[in-house]
């Protein structure tokens, strides 16, 4: 089962537990801004035709966790740990505010990889490249 989250948030929507805001020029913030979420969301939701069972993690969380892992070369456990410790990574995966608890377990990374096979990732990469080229 999959439920589309509320509209994709912006950097201004993210709540930090201390004074301040995330920097708009951060690499994770910039990358999150160019990904065409609505297109990817449609493809992801299609993988969950049933309205029964546990609700799947949002596409932004699943895909971005895999991007973080690939770009940084982390293990599943280290990916979850880094996300738990870093507000920029928490924003990148779509959390609305910084939290001290881990957003998912390392075992969820295995599920995320199964949902995004090589062909699906290649299609997503192409969409990201097209979106980046069309930005002024």
Protein backbone atom coordinates (compact mmCIF):
# COMPACT_ATOMS: atom_id res chain seq x y z
CA UNK A 1 0.00 0.00 0.00
CA UNK A 2 1.19 3.52 -0.73
CA UNK A 3 -0.15 6.90 0.31
CA UNK A 4 1.08 10.02 -1.41
CA UNK A 5 2.43 12.44 1.18
CA UNK A 6 1.29 16.04 1.29
CA UNK A 7 2.79 18.33 -1.35
CA UNK A 8 6.57 18.20 -1.56
CA UNK A 9 8.10 20.54 0.94
CA UNK A 10 10.64 23.28 0.41
CA UNK A 11 13.66 24.28 2.45
CA UNK A 12 11.56 26.93 4.23
CA UNK A 13 9.19 24.23 5.55
CA UNK A 14 11.89 22.23 7.38
CA UNK A 15 11.88 22.76 11.15
CA UNK A 16 15.12 22.69 13.12
CA UNK A 17 15.12 22.18 16.91
CA UNK A 18 17.44 25.17 17.30
CA UNK A 19 17.44 28.67 15.85
CA UNK A 20 18.32 29.01 12.21
CA UNK A 21 17.51 27.60 8.81
CA UNK A 22 19.13 25.22 6.41
CA UNK A 23 21.47 26.84 3.88
CA UNK A 24 19.93 27.01 0.42
CA UNK A 25 23.32 26.46 -1.23
CA UNK A 26 23.87 23.06 0.44
CA UNK A 27 24.45 20.26 -2.08
CA UNK A 28 21.58 18.13 -0.70
CA UNK A 29 19.14 21.04 -0.73
CA UNK A 30 20.08 21.91 -4.31
CA UNK A 31 19.76 18.31 -5.49
CA UNK A 32 16.36 17.88 -3.83
CA UNK A 33 15.12 20.96 -5.67
CA UNK A 34 15.88 19.61 -9.16
CA UNK A 35 14.36 16.15 -8.83
CA UNK A 36 10.98 15.92 -10.62
CA UNK A 37 9.08 14.41 -7.68
CA UNK A 38 5.62 14.33 -9.21
CA UNK A 39 6.75 12.20 -12.16
CA UNK A 40 8.71 9.81 -9.97
CA UNK A 41 5.86 9.65 -7.44
CA UNK A 42 3.42 8.41 -10.08
CA UNK A 43 5.72 5.55 -11.07
CA UNK A 44 6.41 4.64 -7.45
CA UNK A 45 2.76 4.64 -6.35
CA UNK A 46 1.94 2.30 -9.24
CA UNK A 47 4.06 -0.38 -7.50
CA UNK A 48 1.53 -0.52 -4.65
CA UNK A 49 -1.86 -1.36 -6.19
CA UNK A 50 -3.43 -2.68 -2.99
CA UNK A 51 -5.00 -0.61 -0.22
CA UNK A 52 -4.11 -3.25 2.36
CA UNK A 53 -0.99 -3.91 4.35
CA UNK A 54 1.62 -1.61 5.81
CA UNK A 55 1.99 1.80 4.22
CA UNK A 56 5.22 2.08 2.22
CA UNK A 57 7.77 4.78 2.94
CA UNK A 58 7.39 7.82 0.66
CA UNK A 59 9.24 7.78 -2.64
CA UNK A 60 11.41 10.70 -1.58
CA UNK A 61 12.61 8.82 1.48
CA UNK A 62 13.30 5.58 -0.38
CA UNK A 63 14.99 7.07 -3.42
CA UNK A 64 16.98 9.69 -1.56
CA UNK A 65 18.31 7.16 0.93
CA UNK A 66 19.66 5.20 -2.03
CA UNK A 67 21.16 8.35 -3.55
CA UNK A 68 22.86 9.22 -0.25
CA UNK A 69 24.22 5.69 0.04
CA UNK A 70 25.53 5.65 -3.53
CA UNK A 71 27.07 9.13 -3.48
CA UNK A 72 28.78 8.62 -0.12
CA UNK A 73 29.63 4.91 -0.34
CA UNK A 74 27.93 4.05 2.95
CA UNK A 75 26.73 0.66 4.15
CA UNK A 76 23.03 0.28 4.98
CA UNK A 77 23.70 0.84 8.68
CA UNK A 78 25.95 3.83 8.07
CA UNK A 79 23.40 5.39 5.71
CA UNK A 80 20.71 5.24 8.39
CA UNK A 81 23.15 6.57 11.01
CA UNK A 82 24.25 9.49 8.84
CA UNK A 83 20.63 10.41 8.07
CA UNK A 84 19.78 10.23 11.78
CA UNK A 85 22.61 12.65 12.63
CA UNK A 86 22.37 15.16 9.77
CA UNK A 87 19.53 17.68 9.32
CA UNK A 88 20.43 18.23 5.64
CA UNK A 89 20.06 14.53 4.93
CA UNK A 90 16.79 14.45 6.86
CA UNK A 91 15.51 17.32 4.73
CA UNK A 92 16.77 15.55 1.61
CA UNK A 93 14.74 12.40 2.37
CA UNK A 94 11.63 14.50 2.93
CA UNK A 95 11.26 14.75 6.70
CA UNK A 96 9.39 17.86 7.80
CA UNK A 97 11.59 18.50 10.82
CA UNK A 98 14.79 17.29 12.42
CA UNK A 99 14.29 14.19 14.56
CA UNK A 100 16.62 12.31 16.86
CA UNK A 101 15.20 8.88 16.02
CA UNK A 102 16.08 7.01 12.86
CA UNK A 103 13.47 7.37 10.11
CA UNK A 104 13.76 3.69 9.07
CA UNK A 105 15.87 0.64 9.83
CA UNK A 106 18.87 -0.57 7.85
CA UNK A 107 16.72 -3.51 6.69
CA UNK A 108 14.48 -1.02 4.87
CA UNK A 109 17.40 -0.19 2.58
CA UNK A 110 17.10 -3.70 1.12
CA UNK A 111 13.43 -3.06 0.31
CA UNK A 112 14.30 0.30 -1.23
CA UNK A 113 16.86 -1.33 -3.54
CA UNK A 114 14.32 -3.95 -4.64
CA UNK A 115 11.82 -1.24 -5.57
CA UNK A 116 14.34 0.70 -7.64
CA UNK A 117 15.90 -1.75 -10.07
CA UNK A 118 18.59 -0.71 -12.56
CA UNK A 119 16.11 0.20 -15.33
CA UNK A 120 13.94 2.28 -13.01
CA UNK A 121 17.01 4.09 -11.62
CA UNK A 122 18.27 4.78 -15.15
CA UNK A 123 14.88 6.31 -16.04
CA UNK A 124 14.95 8.44 -12.89
CA UNK A 125 18.52 9.57 -13.59
CA UNK A 126 17.45 10.63 -17.07
CA UNK A 127 14.53 12.63 -15.64
CA UNK A 128 16.85 14.33 -13.14
CA UNK A 129 19.31 15.23 -15.93
CA UNK A 130 16.50 16.65 -18.08
CA UNK A 131 15.17 18.67 -15.14
CA UNK A 132 18.65 20.01 -14.39
CA UNK A 133 19.20 21.03 -18.03
CA UNK A 134 15.88 22.87 -18.16
CA UNK A 135 16.66 24.94 -15.05
CA UNK A 136 17.86 28.50 -15.77
